Amino acid sequence: MKKFLFVLSLAIFGCSFPVQVTLGTPTPIPTLTPAGTPSPTLTPLAPSEPGTEQNPLILALAASTHPSDETIAAGEMIAAFIESRTGYRVVTVIPSSEQVLVEAFDKGNAHIGSLSPYAYLLARQNDSVTALLASVRDGSTFYGAQIIVNREKKFASYYDETRGENTAEAATALNQFEEKKACWSDEVSPSGYVVPFGLLNQAGVQIRSGAFLAGQPSVVRAVYVDDICDFGATFIDARDSPALEADYGDVMDKVIVIWRIPNIIPYENISIANALPIEMRRVIQRALIDLMLTPEGKAAIQTVYGMDELQVVEDAAYAEFASYVKASRLDLLSLIE
């Protein structure tokens, strides 16, 4: 079976995506060992239905303007496995950016693909996707953030290090930062800016313009030396960064946590188009789970999407993250890199 690589180009002024077909020498596809009985197509498909030769499902690989041969081959492996497990015809595409991918989901030019947290929220705004599988890092699909200060600032801490829990509501803990200045990591960091800023807005706390310091260890460092800002925001726990160990041996004592945002910030996920029937989505989800059970499949997912482990996830799991991002009042498009 021949494979074709489709490259999505950016739509202009709402037009549908032009699709450029690039032909070349097909890359050999390693043989995968099926993990159990193949999942059959649920019902015979009419030629016009998605998943047929005339109307194939579109698997979007990671956005890139210059994809490597290795990525292309791994994407073809994933597509071939889904075909073998479901009976659906699958082709691969490579969007030039995440913004292009989000628009492709909306216009029916992509059916399966990986989305960053912000891109996922943008796609959910037009109800074009459902989350299937979430990326797992360090044993979790979500991570948290924290508000930190220099101990000598005399701000009151509402976080109990011993019990590992907040001791007051966010508004109580954060009101002390009214008209104070923050150190942020960068303009798109979920833990180092967007979510903590949204939390402050939710609590009704007005702060001064902050300083962006290009990295979370830099935020800890600035709070430690106490010469740039009144407080900072980082992931949990940026104070343990190896970059700080040599010069800031007492950082855990001198930089304290005021309040922690629990593990509500997601990593990337694999989403599927809502235009597809629910049963079709379930069959594809099962195929992707089976794919990750094979060494070759796991390697292919890592090559294409940079994901080492996946876990089933539901859209409801993103609700709290979405509320903080909305409260930040930042433009989602500007947050997508």
C-alpha atoms as a PDB file:
ATOM      1  CA  MET A   1       0.000   0.000   0.000  1.00  0.00           C
ATOM      2  CA  LYS A   2       1.518   3.310  -1.067  1.00  0.00           C
ATOM      3  CA  LYS A   3       1.758   6.123   1.436  1.00  0.00           C
ATOM      4  CA  PHE A   4       1.510   9.802   0.594  1.00  0.00           C
ATOM      5  CA  LEU A   5       2.658  12.740   2.666  1.00  0.00           C
ATOM      6  CA  PHE A   6       0.290  15.679   2.716  1.00  0.00           C
ATOM      7  CA  VAL A   7       1.499  19.092   3.879  1.00  0.00           C
ATOM      8  CA  LEU A   8      -1.113  21.481   5.256  1.00  0.00           C
ATOM      9  CA  SER A   9      -0.544  25.127   4.364  1.00  0.00           C
ATOM     10  CA  LEU A  10      -2.089  28.068   6.183  1.00  0.00           C
ATOM     11  CA  ALA A  11      -5.590  29.083   5.163  1.00  0.00           C
ATOM     12  CA  ILE A  12      -6.039  32.763   4.302  1.00  0.00           C
ATOM     13  CA  PHE A  13      -9.099  34.787   5.239  1.00  0.00           C
ATOM     14  CA  GLY A  14     -11.131  31.717   6.226  1.00  0.00           C
ATOM     15  CA  CYS A  15     -10.597  29.727   3.034  1.00  0.00           C
ATOM     16  CA  SER A  16     -10.302  25.960   3.299  1.00  0.00           C
ATOM     17  CA  PHE A  17      -6.808  24.505   3.477  1.00  0.00           C
ATOM     18  CA  PRO A  18      -5.024  23.946   0.195  1.00  0.00           C
ATOM     19  CA  VAL A  19      -3.312  20.553   0.334  1.00  0.00           C
ATOM     20  CA  GLN A  20       0.008  20.069  -1.403  1.00  0.00           C
ATOM     21  CA  VAL A  21       0.880  16.484  -2.232  1.00  0.00           C
ATOM     22  CA  THR A  22       4.593  15.669  -2.167  1.00  0.00           C
ATOM     23  CA  LEU A  23       5.574  12.373  -3.756  1.00  0.00           C
ATOM     24  CA  GLY A  24       8.878  10.629  -3.203  1.00  0.00           C
ATOM     25  CA  THR A  25      10.403   7.265  -2.574  1.00  0.00           C
ATOM     26  CA  PRO A  26       8.195   5.528  -0.011  1.00  0.00           C
ATOM     27  CA  THR A  27       9.936   4.976   3.324  1.00  0.00           C
ATOM     28  CA  PRO A  28       9.913   1.297   4.370  1.00  0.00           C
ATOM     29  CA  ILE A  29       7.498   0.737   7.237  1.00  0.00           C
ATOM     30  CA  PRO A  30       8.641  -1.654   9.971  1.00  0.00           C
ATOM     31  CA  THR A  31       6.241  -4.497  10.640  1.00  0.00           C
ATOM     32  CA  LEU A  32       4.294  -4.223  13.873  1.00  0.00           C
ATOM     33  CA  THR A  33       3.201  -7.227  15.851  1.00  0.00           C
ATOM     34  CA  PRO A  34      -0.568  -6.946  16.489  1.00  0.00           C
ATOM     35  CA  ALA A  35      -1.439  -6.849  20.187  1.00  0.00           C
ATOM     36  CA  GLY A  36      -4.477  -9.098  20.269  1.00  0.00           C
ATOM     37  CA  THR A  37      -7.469  -9.429  17.987  1.00  0.00           C
ATOM     38  CA  PRO A  38      -7.842  -6.549  15.528  1.00  0.00           C
ATOM     39  CA  SER A  39     -10.742  -4.205  16.214  1.00  0.00           C
ATOM     40  CA  PRO A  40     -13.074  -4.528  13.221  1.00  0.00           C
ATOM     41  CA  THR A  41     -14.771  -1.635  11.486  1.00  0.00           C
ATOM     42  CA  LEU A  42     -18.145  -1.487  13.198  1.00  0.00           C
ATOM     43  CA  THR A  43     -20.292  -1.242  10.065  1.00  0.00           C
ATOM     44  CA  PRO A  44     -19.586  -1.292   6.321  1.00  0.00           C
ATOM     45  CA  LEU A  45     -18.707   2.232   5.225  1.00  0.00           C
ATOM     46  CA  ALA A  46     -20.168   4.047   2.265  1.00  0.00           C
ATOM     47  CA  PRO A  47     -17.487   5.563  -0.015  1.00  0.00           C
ATOM     48  CA  SER A  48     -18.328   9.074   1.184  1.00  0.00           C
ATOM     49  CA  GLU A  49     -17.964   8.194   4.873  1.00  0.00           C
ATOM     50  CA  PRO A  50     -14.735   8.972   6.753  1.00  0.00           C
ATOM     51  CA  GLY A  51     -12.258   6.123   6.883  1.00  0.00           C
ATOM     52  CA  THR A  52     -12.684   4.955   3.296  1.00  0.00           C
ATOM     53  CA  GLU A  53     -10.242   5.069   0.402  1.00  0.00           C
ATOM     54  CA  GLN A  54     -12.196   7.957  -1.091  1.00  0.00           C
ATOM     55  CA  ASN A  55     -12.449   9.826   2.229  1.00  0.00           C
ATOM     56  CA  PRO A  56      -9.563   8.710   4.469  1.00  0.00           C
ATOM     57  CA  LEU A  57      -9.029   9.665   8.066  1.00  0.00           C
ATOM     58  CA  ILE A  58      -6.318  12.305   8.414  1.00  0.00           C
ATOM     59  CA  LEU A  59      -3.628  11.753  11.047  1.00  0.00           C
ATOM     60  CA  ALA A  60      -1.747  14.983  11.783  1.00  0.00           C
ATOM     61  CA  LEU A  61       1.865  14.579  12.807  1.00  0.00           C
ATOM     62  CA  ALA A  62       3.639  17.158  14.964  1.00  0.00           C
ATOM     63  CA  ALA A  63       3.624  20.618  13.400  1.00  0.00           C
ATOM     64  CA  SER A  64       6.799  21.319  11.435  1.00  0.00           C
ATOM     65  CA  THR A  65       7.955  23.191   8.366  1.00  0.00           C
ATOM     66  CA  HIS A  66      10.868  20.768   7.852  1.00  0.00           C
ATOM     67  CA  PRO A  67       9.872  17.285   9.079  1.00  0.00           C
ATOM     68  CA  SER A  68      12.608  14.660   9.239  1.00  0.00           C
ATOM     69  CA  ASP A  69      12.504  11.386   7.315  1.00  0.00           C
ATOM     70  CA  GLU A  70      12.421   9.601  10.674  1.00  0.00           C
ATOM     71  CA  THR A  71       9.297  11.506  11.724  1.00  0.00           C
ATOM     72  CA  ILE A  72       7.587  10.804   8.400  1.00  0.00           C
ATOM     73  CA  ALA A  73       8.373   7.094   8.629  1.00  0.00           C
ATOM     74  CA  ALA A  74       7.150   6.917  12.240  1.00  0.00           C
ATOM     75  CA  GLY A  75       3.925   8.689  11.259  1.00  0.00           C
ATOM     76  CA  GLU A  76       3.349   6.191   8.478  1.00  0.00           C
ATOM     77  CA  MET A  77       3.878   3.389  10.989  1.00  0.00           C
ATOM     78  CA  ILE A  78       1.204   4.854  13.276  1.00  0.00           C
ATOM     79  CA  ALA A  79      -1.216   5.247  10.360  1.00  0.00           C
ATOM     80  CA  ALA A  80      -0.572   1.679   9.193  1.00  0.00           C
ATOM     81  CA  PHE A  81      -1.213   0.302  12.671  1.00  0.00           C
ATOM     82  CA  ILE A  82      -4.505   2.190  13.022  1.00  0.00           C
ATOM     83  CA  GLU A  83      -5.537   0.839   9.617  1.00  0.00           C
ATOM     84  CA  SER A  84      -4.651  -2.720  10.623  1.00  0.00           C
ATOM     85  CA  ARG A  85      -6.589  -2.470  13.879  1.00  0.00           C
ATOM     86  CA  THR A  86      -9.699  -0.693  12.606  1.00  0.00           C
ATOM     87  CA  GLY A  87     -10.049  -1.237   8.864  1.00  0.00           C
ATOM     88  CA  TYR A  88     -10.215   2.526   8.355  1.00  0.00           C
ATOM     89  CA  ARG A  89      -8.070   4.138   5.656  1.00  0.00           C
ATOM     90  CA  VAL A  90      -5.626   6.612   7.237  1.00  0.00           C
ATOM     91  CA  VAL A  91      -3.277   9.140   5.635  1.00  0.00           C
ATOM     92  CA  THR A  92      -0.754  11.435   7.319  1.00  0.00           C
ATOM     93  CA  VAL A  93      -0.389  15.210   7.157  1.00  0.00           C
ATOM     94  CA  ILE A  94       2.148  17.604   8.631  1.00  0.00           C
ATOM     95  CA  PRO A  95       0.713  21.027   9.550  1.00  0.00           C
ATOM     96  CA  SER A  96       3.122  23.934   9.384  1.00  0.00           C
ATOM     97  CA  SER A  97       2.046  25.228  12.824  1.00  0.00           C
ATOM     98  CA  GLU A  98      -0.324  24.461  15.684  1.00  0.00           C
ATOM     99  CA  GLN A  99      -2.583  27.287  14.598  1.00  0.00           C
ATOM    100  CA  VAL A 100      -2.884  25.593  11.209  1.00  0.00           C
ATOM    101  CA  LEU A 101      -3.654  22.291  12.948  1.00  0.00           C
ATOM    102  CA  VAL A 102      -6.409  23.831  15.092  1.00  0.00           C
ATOM    103  CA  GLU A 103      -8.010  25.318  11.986  1.00  0.00           C
ATOM    104  CA  ALA A 104      -7.627  22.004  10.170  1.00  0.00           C
ATOM    105  CA  PHE A 105      -9.585  20.221  12.918  1.00  0.00           C
ATOM    106  CA  ASP A 106     -12.318  22.843  12.597  1.00  0.00           C
ATOM    107  CA  LYS A 107     -12.535  22.527   8.802  1.00  0.00           C
ATOM    108  CA  GLY A 108     -12.360  18.727   8.658  1.00  0.00           C
ATOM    109  CA  ASN A 109      -8.796  18.645   7.315  1.00  0.00           C
ATOM    110  CA  ALA A 110      -7.479  16.743  10.350  1.00  0.00           C
ATOM    111  CA  HIS A 111      -9.083  13.998  12.437  1.00  0.00           C
ATOM    112  CA  ILE A 112      -6.372  12.804  14.845  1.00  0.00           C
ATOM    113  CA  GLY A 113      -3.427  14.758  16.236  1.00  0.00           C
ATOM    114  CA  SER A 114      -1.488  16.042  19.214  1.00  0.00           C
ATOM    115  CA  LEU A 115      -2.361  19.415  20.743  1.00  0.00           C
ATOM    116  CA  SER A 116      -0.545  21.515  23.310  1.00  0.00           C
ATOM    117  CA  PRO A 117      -2.677  22.699  26.257  1.00  0.00           C
ATOM    118  CA  TYR A 118      -3.425  26.122  24.716  1.00  0.00           C
ATOM    119  CA  ALA A 119      -4.095  24.689  21.254  1.00  0.00           C
ATOM    120  CA  TYR A 120      -6.466  22.167  22.809  1.00  0.00           C
ATOM    121  CA  LEU A 121      -8.399  24.965  24.557  1.00  0.00           C
ATOM    122  CA  LEU A 122      -8.570  26.906  21.295  1.00  0.00           C
ATOM    123  CA  ALA A 123      -9.938  23.869  19.465  1.00  0.00           C
ATOM    124  CA  ARG A 124     -12.479  23.304  22.252  1.00  0.00           C
ATOM    125  CA  GLN A 125     -13.803  26.821  21.766  1.00  0.00           C
ATOM    126  CA  ASN A 126     -15.378  25.708  18.481  1.00  0.00           C
ATOM    127  CA  ASP A 127     -16.107  22.209  19.820  1.00  0.00           C
ATOM    128  CA  SER A 128     -14.013  20.583  17.099  1.00  0.00           C
ATOM    129  CA  VAL A 129     -12.115  18.022  19.196  1.00  0.00           C
ATOM    130  CA  THR A 130     -12.323  15.608  22.108  1.00  0.00           C
ATOM    131  CA  ALA A 131      -9.300  14.573  24.170  1.00  0.00           C
ATOM    132  CA  LEU A 132      -8.424  10.881  23.842  1.00  0.00           C
ATOM    133  CA  LEU A 133      -5.071  10.331  25.529  1.00  0.00           C
ATOM    134  CA  ALA A 134      -2.931  12.569  27.724  1.00  0.00           C
ATOM    135  CA  SER A 135       0.851  12.640  27.852  1.00  0.00           C
ATOM    136  CA  VAL A 136       2.277  11.352  31.142  1.00  0.00           C
ATOM    137  CA  ARG A 137       5.448  12.810  32.674  1.00  0.00           C
ATOM    138  CA  ASP A 138       6.921  11.781  35.989  1.00  0.00           C
ATOM    139  CA  GLY A 139       3.889   9.586  36.565  1.00  0.00           C
ATOM    140  CA  SER A 140       1.298  12.336  36.144  1.00  0.00           C
ATOM    141  CA  THR A 141      -0.794  13.863  33.364  1.00  0.00           C
ATOM    142  CA  PHE A 142      -0.996  17.223  35.164  1.00  0.00           C
ATOM    143  CA  TYR A 143       1.354  19.406  37.208  1.00  0.00           C
ATOM    144  CA  GLY A 144       1.002  22.358  39.556  1.00  0.00           C
ATOM    145  CA  ALA A 145       2.390  25.832  40.218  1.00  0.00           C
ATOM    146  CA  GLN A 146       3.376  27.873  43.239  1.00  0.00           C
ATOM    147  CA  ILE A 147       3.641  31.457  44.403  1.00  0.00           C
ATOM    148  CA  ILE A 148       7.016  32.104  46.066  1.00  0.00           C
ATOM    149  CA  VAL A 149       8.585  34.963  48.039  1.00  0.00           C
ATOM    150  CA  ASN A 150      11.794  35.804  49.844  1.00  0.00           C
ATOM    151  CA  ARG A 151      11.362  34.888  53.507  1.00  0.00           C
ATOM    152  CA  GLU A 152      12.659  38.308  54.541  1.00  0.00           C
ATOM    153  CA  LYS A 153       9.769  40.048  52.758  1.00  0.00           C
ATOM    154  CA  LYS A 154       7.541  39.143  55.730  1.00  0.00           C
ATOM    155  CA  PHE A 155       4.623  38.021  53.574  1.00  0.00           C
ATOM    156  CA  ALA A 156       2.359  35.516  55.311  1.00  0.00           C
ATOM    157  CA  SER A 157       2.593  31.955  53.999  1.00  0.00           C
ATOM    158  CA  TYR A 158      -0.606  29.981  53.589  1.00  0.00           C
ATOM    159  CA  TYR A 159       1.094  26.740  52.607  1.00  0.00           C
ATOM    160  CA  ASP A 160       2.032  24.039  55.091  1.00  0.00           C
ATOM    161  CA  GLU A 161       5.261  22.405  53.849  1.00  0.00           C
ATOM    162  CA  THR A 162       4.944  19.535  56.337  1.00  0.00           C
ATOM    163  CA  ARG A 163       1.431  18.516  55.320  1.00  0.00           C
ATOM    164  CA  GLY A 164       1.855  19.610  51.716  1.00  0.00           C
ATOM    165  CA  GLU A 165      -1.392  21.599  51.587  1.00  0.00           C
ATOM    166  CA  ASN A 166      -2.731  25.133  51.475  1.00  0.00           C
ATOM    167  CA  THR A 167      -4.149  26.474  54.724  1.00  0.00           C
ATOM    168  CA  ALA A 168      -6.465  29.151  53.310  1.00  0.00           C
ATOM    169  CA  GLU A 169      -8.452  30.050  50.214  1.00  0.00           C
ATOM    170  CA  ALA A 170      -6.577  31.658  47.330  1.00  0.00           C
ATOM    171  CA  ALA A 171      -8.132  35.091  47.868  1.00  0.00           C
ATOM    172  CA  THR A 172      -6.957  35.164  51.472  1.00  0.00           C
ATOM    173  CA  ALA A 173      -3.425  34.130  50.551  1.00  0.00           C
ATOM    174  CA  LEU A 174      -3.047  36.407  47.537  1.00  0.00           C
ATOM    175  CA  ASN A 175      -4.647  39.669  48.713  1.00  0.00           C
ATOM    176  CA  GLN A 176      -1.312  40.648  50.257  1.00  0.00           C
ATOM    177  CA  PHE A 177       0.098  41.050  46.733  1.00  0.00           C
ATOM    178  CA  GLU A 178      -2.221  43.939  45.811  1.00  0.00           C
ATOM    179  CA  GLU A 179      -0.139  46.501  43.872  1.00  0.00           C
ATOM    180  CA  LYS A 180       2.966  44.314  44.211  1.00  0.00           C
ATOM    181  CA  LYS A 181       5.299  43.328  41.382  1.00  0.00           C
ATOM    182  CA  ALA A 182       5.690  39.762  40.110  1.00  0.00           C
ATOM    183  CA  CYS A 183       8.544  37.932  38.454  1.00  0.00           C
ATOM    184  CA  TRP A 184       7.255  35.712  35.646  1.00  0.00           C
ATOM    185  CA  SER A 185       9.056  33.040  33.660  1.00  0.00           C
ATOM    186  CA  ASP A 186       7.920  33.994  30.136  1.00  0.00           C
ATOM    187  CA  GLU A 187       4.814  35.199  28.336  1.00  0.00           C
ATOM    188  CA  VAL A 188       3.475  31.731  27.453  1.00  0.00           C
ATOM    189  CA  SER A 189       4.464  29.599  30.457  1.00  0.00           C
ATOM    190  CA  PRO A 190       1.385  27.973  32.027  1.00  0.00           C
ATOM    191  CA  SER A 191       2.978  27.592  35.474  1.00  0.00           C
ATOM    192  CA  GLY A 192       5.308  30.566  35.343  1.00  0.00           C
ATOM    193  CA  TYR A 193       2.762  33.133  34.186  1.00  0.00           C
ATOM    194  CA  VAL A 194      -0.616  32.316  32.632  1.00  0.00           C
ATOM    195  CA  VAL A 195      -2.236  30.158  35.337  1.00  0.00           C
ATOM    196  CA  PRO A 196      -0.891  32.143  38.358  1.00  0.00           C
ATOM    197  CA  PHE A 197      -1.891  35.398  36.656  1.00  0.00           C
ATOM    198  CA  GLY A 198      -5.365  33.971  36.046  1.00  0.00           C
ATOM    199  CA  LEU A 199      -5.523  32.908  39.686  1.00  0.00           C
ATOM    200  CA  LEU A 200      -4.699  36.448  40.831  1.00  0.00           C
ATOM    201  CA  ASN A 201      -7.390  37.840  38.533  1.00  0.00           C
ATOM    202  CA  GLN A 202      -9.922  35.342  39.880  1.00  0.00           C
ATOM    203  CA  ALA A 203      -9.042  36.479  43.400  1.00  0.00           C
ATOM    204  CA  GLY A 204      -9.536  40.112  42.398  1.00  0.00           C
ATOM    205  CA  VAL A 205      -5.917  41.035  43.116  1.00  0.00           C
ATOM    206  CA  GLN A 206      -4.543  43.907  41.029  1.00  0.00           C
ATOM    207  CA  ILE A 207      -0.767  43.778  40.631  1.00  0.00           C
ATOM    208  CA  ARG A 208       1.798  46.010  38.970  1.00  0.00           C
ATOM    209  CA  SER A 209       3.402  45.167  35.638  1.00  0.00           C
ATOM    210  CA  GLY A 210       5.697  42.202  36.115  1.00  0.00           C
ATOM    211  CA  ALA A 211       9.160  41.265  34.901  1.00  0.00           C
ATOM    212  CA  PHE A 212       9.699  38.361  32.481  1.00  0.00           C
ATOM    213  CA  LEU A 213      12.976  36.615  33.236  1.00  0.00           C
ATOM    214  CA  ALA A 214      13.331  33.868  30.601  1.00  0.00           C
ATOM    215  CA  GLY A 215      13.258  30.757  32.750  1.00  0.00           C
ATOM    216  CA  GLN A 216      11.865  29.468  35.999  1.00  0.00           C
ATOM    217  CA  PRO A 217      15.231  29.078  37.752  1.00  0.00           C
ATOM    218  CA  SER A 218      15.709  32.780  36.937  1.00  0.00           C
ATOM    219  CA  VAL A 219      12.462  33.551  38.792  1.00  0.00           C
ATOM    220  CA  VAL A 220      13.669  31.659  41.867  1.00  0.00           C
ATOM    221  CA  ARG A 221      17.022  33.422  41.635  1.00  0.00           C
ATOM    222  CA  ALA A 222      15.367  36.852  41.431  1.00  0.00           C
ATOM    223  CA  VAL A 223      13.178  36.122  44.447  1.00  0.00           C
ATOM    224  CA  TYR A 224      16.210  34.859  46.330  1.00  0.00           C
ATOM    225  CA  VAL A 225      18.327  37.999  45.748  1.00  0.00           C
ATOM    226  CA  ASP A 226      15.266  40.221  46.324  1.00  0.00           C
ATOM    227  CA  ASP A 227      16.142  43.028  43.938  1.00  0.00           C
ATOM    228  CA  ILE A 228      13.587  42.778  41.102  1.00  0.00           C
ATOM    229  CA  CYS A 229      10.148  41.788  42.344  1.00  0.00           C
ATOM    230  CA  ASP A 230       7.994  41.158  45.392  1.00  0.00           C
ATOM    231  CA  PHE A 231       6.967  37.604  44.493  1.00  0.00           C
ATOM    232  CA  GLY A 232       7.301  35.035  41.741  1.00  0.00           C
ATOM    233  CA  ALA A 233       5.529  32.072  40.180  1.00  0.00           C
ATOM    234  CA  THR A 234       7.015  28.720  39.139  1.00  0.00           C
ATOM    235  CA  PHE A 235       6.153  25.081  38.643  1.00  0.00           C
ATOM    236  CA  ILE A 236       6.427  22.748  41.653  1.00  0.00           C
ATOM    237  CA  ASP A 237       9.214  22.760  42.666  1.00  0.00           C
ATOM    238  CA  ALA A 238      11.563  24.960  40.645  1.00  0.00           C
ATOM    239  CA  ARG A 239      13.589  25.639  43.795  1.00  0.00           C
ATOM    240  CA  ASP A 240      15.096  22.157  43.367  1.00  0.00           C
ATOM    241  CA  SER A 241      16.542  23.020  39.947  1.00  0.00           C
ATOM    242  CA  PRO A 242      20.141  21.783  39.456  1.00  0.00           C
ATOM    243  CA  ALA A 243      20.919  25.227  38.020  1.00  0.00           C
ATOM    244  CA  LEU A 244      20.479  26.686  41.509  1.00  0.00           C
ATOM    245  CA  GLU A 245      22.168  24.022  43.582  1.00  0.00           C
ATOM    246  CA  ALA A 246      25.767  25.280  43.428  1.00  0.00           C
ATOM    247  CA  ASP A 247      25.210  28.966  44.191  1.00  0.00           C
ATOM    248  CA  TYR A 248      22.006  28.903  46.226  1.00  0.00           C
ATOM    249  CA  GLY A 249      22.404  26.080  48.703  1.00  0.00           C
ATOM    250  CA  ASP A 250      19.930  27.595  51.175  1.00  0.00           C
ATOM    251  CA  VAL A 251      17.276  28.372  48.556  1.00  0.00           C
ATOM    252  CA  MET A 252      14.680  26.043  50.102  1.00  0.00           C
ATOM    253  CA  ASP A 253      14.911  27.960  53.358  1.00  0.00           C
ATOM    254  CA  LYS A 254      15.210  31.484  51.983  1.00  0.00           C
ATOM    255  CA  VAL A 255      12.576  31.187  49.231  1.00  0.00           C
ATOM    256  CA  ILE A 256       9.262  30.053  50.689  1.00  0.00           C
ATOM    257  CA  VAL A 257       5.929  29.042  49.189  1.00  0.00           C
ATOM    258  CA  ILE A 258       2.935  31.277  49.872  1.00  0.00           C
ATOM    259  CA  TRP A 259       0.294  29.198  48.078  1.00  0.00           C
ATOM    260  CA  ARG A 260       0.210  26.271  45.665  1.00  0.00           C
ATOM    261  CA  ILE A 261      -1.975  25.667  42.653  1.00  0.00           C
ATOM    262  CA  PRO A 262      -2.717  21.919  42.584  1.00  0.00           C
ATOM    263  CA  ASN A 263      -1.925  19.646  39.655  1.00  0.00           C
ATOM    264  CA  ILE A 264      -4.329  21.094  37.080  1.00  0.00           C
ATOM    265  CA  ILE A 265      -1.906  22.134  34.307  1.00  0.00           C
ATOM    266  CA  PRO A 266      -1.905  19.520  31.526  1.00  0.00           C
ATOM    267  CA  TYR A 267       0.806  18.298  29.218  1.00  0.00           C
ATOM    268  CA  GLU A 268       0.096  17.648  25.544  1.00  0.00           C
ATOM    269  CA  ASN A 269      -2.673  15.285  24.503  1.00  0.00           C
ATOM    270  CA  ILE A 270      -3.849  13.332  21.499  1.00  0.00           C
ATOM    271  CA  SER A 271      -7.228  14.610  20.389  1.00  0.00           C
ATOM    272  CA  ILE A 272      -9.756  13.423  17.822  1.00  0.00           C
ATOM    273  CA  ALA A 273     -12.234  15.337  15.699  1.00  0.00           C
ATOM    274  CA  ASN A 274     -15.777  15.571  17.032  1.00  0.00           C
ATOM    275  CA  ALA A 275     -16.976  15.284  13.438  1.00  0.00           C
ATOM    276  CA  LEU A 276     -16.287  11.551  13.661  1.00  0.00           C
ATOM    277  CA  PRO A 277     -18.964   9.253  15.152  1.00  0.00           C
ATOM    278  CA  ILE A 278     -18.485   8.376  18.826  1.00  0.00           C
ATOM    279  CA  GLU A 279     -18.011   4.673  18.130  1.00  0.00           C
ATOM    280  CA  MET A 280     -15.337   5.444  15.556  1.00  0.00           C
ATOM    281  CA  ARG A 281     -13.533   7.621  18.114  1.00  0.00           C
ATOM    282  CA  ARG A 282     -13.610   4.776  20.631  1.00  0.00           C
ATOM    283  CA  VAL A 283     -12.206   2.262  18.148  1.00  0.00           C
ATOM    284  CA  ILE A 284      -9.358   4.640  17.241  1.00  0.00           C
ATOM    285  CA  GLN A 285      -8.635   5.305  20.922  1.00  0.00           C
ATOM    286  CA  ARG A 286      -8.379   1.552  21.502  1.00  0.00           C
ATOM    287  CA  ALA A 287      -6.035   1.220  18.523  1.00  0.00           C
ATOM    288  CA  LEU A 288      -3.737   3.924  19.894  1.00  0.00           C
ATOM    289  CA  ILE A 289      -3.683   2.224  23.300  1.00  0.00           C
ATOM    290  CA  ASP A 290      -2.765  -1.072  21.615  1.00  0.00           C
ATOM    291  CA  LEU A 291      -0.095   0.748  19.618  1.00  0.00           C
ATOM    292  CA  MET A 292       1.577   1.943  22.826  1.00  0.00           C
ATOM    293  CA  LEU A 293       1.738  -1.662  24.052  1.00  0.00           C
ATOM    294  CA  THR A 294       4.226  -2.526  21.296  1.00  0.00           C
ATOM    295  CA  PRO A 295       7.878  -1.382  21.503  1.00  0.00           C
ATOM    296  CA  GLU A 296       7.783  -0.230  17.876  1.00  0.00           C
ATOM    297  CA  GLY A 297       4.569   1.703  18.383  1.00  0.00           C
ATOM    298  CA  LYS A 298       5.780   3.371  21.549  1.00  0.00           C
ATOM    299  CA  ALA A 299       8.946   4.442  19.751  1.00  0.00           C
ATOM    300  CA  ALA A 300       6.887   5.833  16.862  1.00  0.00           C
ATOM    301  CA  ILE A 301       4.682   7.900  19.186  1.00  0.00           C
ATOM    302  CA  GLN A 302       7.804   9.230  20.915  1.00  0.00           C
ATOM    303  CA  THR A 303       9.385  10.154  17.577  1.00  0.00           C
ATOM    304  CA  VAL A 304       6.309  11.906  16.198  1.00  0.00           C
ATOM    305  CA  TYR A 305       4.825  13.513  19.319  1.00  0.00           C
ATOM    306  CA  GLY A 306       7.576  13.344  21.952  1.00  0.00           C
ATOM    307  CA  MET A 307       5.346  11.328  24.290  1.00  0.00           C
ATOM    308  CA  ASP A 308       6.819   8.431  26.261  1.00  0.00           C
ATOM    309  CA  GLU A 309       3.612   7.361  28.004  1.00  0.00           C
ATOM    310  CA  LEU A 310      -0.099   7.973  27.459  1.00  0.00           C
ATOM    311  CA  GLN A 311      -3.151   7.739  29.687  1.00  0.00           C
ATOM    312  CA  VAL A 312      -6.855   7.861  28.894  1.00  0.00           C
ATOM    313  CA  VAL A 313      -8.279  11.304  29.663  1.00  0.00           C
ATOM    314  CA  GLU A 314     -11.643  13.074  29.422  1.00  0.00           C
ATOM    315  CA  ASP A 315     -12.390  16.672  28.494  1.00  0.00           C
ATOM    316  CA  ALA A 316     -13.739  17.410  31.976  1.00  0.00           C
ATOM    317  CA  ALA A 317     -10.227  17.009  33.402  1.00  0.00           C
ATOM    318  CA  TYR A 318      -9.208  20.274  31.717  1.00  0.00           C
ATOM    319  CA  ALA A 319     -11.992  22.428  33.174  1.00  0.00           C
ATOM    320  CA  GLU A 320     -10.015  24.035  36.009  1.00  0.00           C
ATOM    321  CA  PHE A 321      -7.026  24.774  33.782  1.00  0.00           C
ATOM    322  CA  ALA A 322      -9.385  26.341  31.247  1.00  0.00           C
ATOM    323  CA  SER A 323     -10.928  28.552  33.924  1.00  0.00           C
ATOM    324  CA  TYR A 324      -7.540  29.974  34.961  1.00  0.00           C
ATOM    325  CA  VAL A 325      -6.477  30.597  31.362  1.00  0.00           C
ATOM    326  CA  LYS A 326      -9.775  32.365  30.685  1.00  0.00           C
ATOM    327  CA  ALA A 327      -9.347  34.456  33.846  1.00  0.00           C
ATOM    328  CA  SER A 328      -5.909  35.569  32.629  1.00  0.00           C
ATOM    329  CA  ARG A 329      -7.720  37.388  29.787  1.00  0.00           C
ATOM    330  CA  LEU A 330      -4.800  36.583  27.495  1.00  0.00           C
ATOM    331  CA  ASP A 331      -5.372  35.825  23.812  1.00  0.00           C
ATOM    332  CA  LEU A 332      -5.079  32.068  23.198  1.00  0.00           C
ATOM    333  CA  LEU A 333      -3.672  32.556  19.726  1.00  0.00           C
ATOM    334  CA  SER A 334      -0.821  34.601  21.144  1.00  0.00           C
ATOM    335  CA  LEU A 335       0.008  31.784  23.575  1.00  0.00           C
ATOM    336  CA  ILE A 336       0.435  29.113  20.900  1.00  0.00           C
ATOM    337  CA  GLU A 337       4.070  28.894  19.877  1.00  0.00           C
END
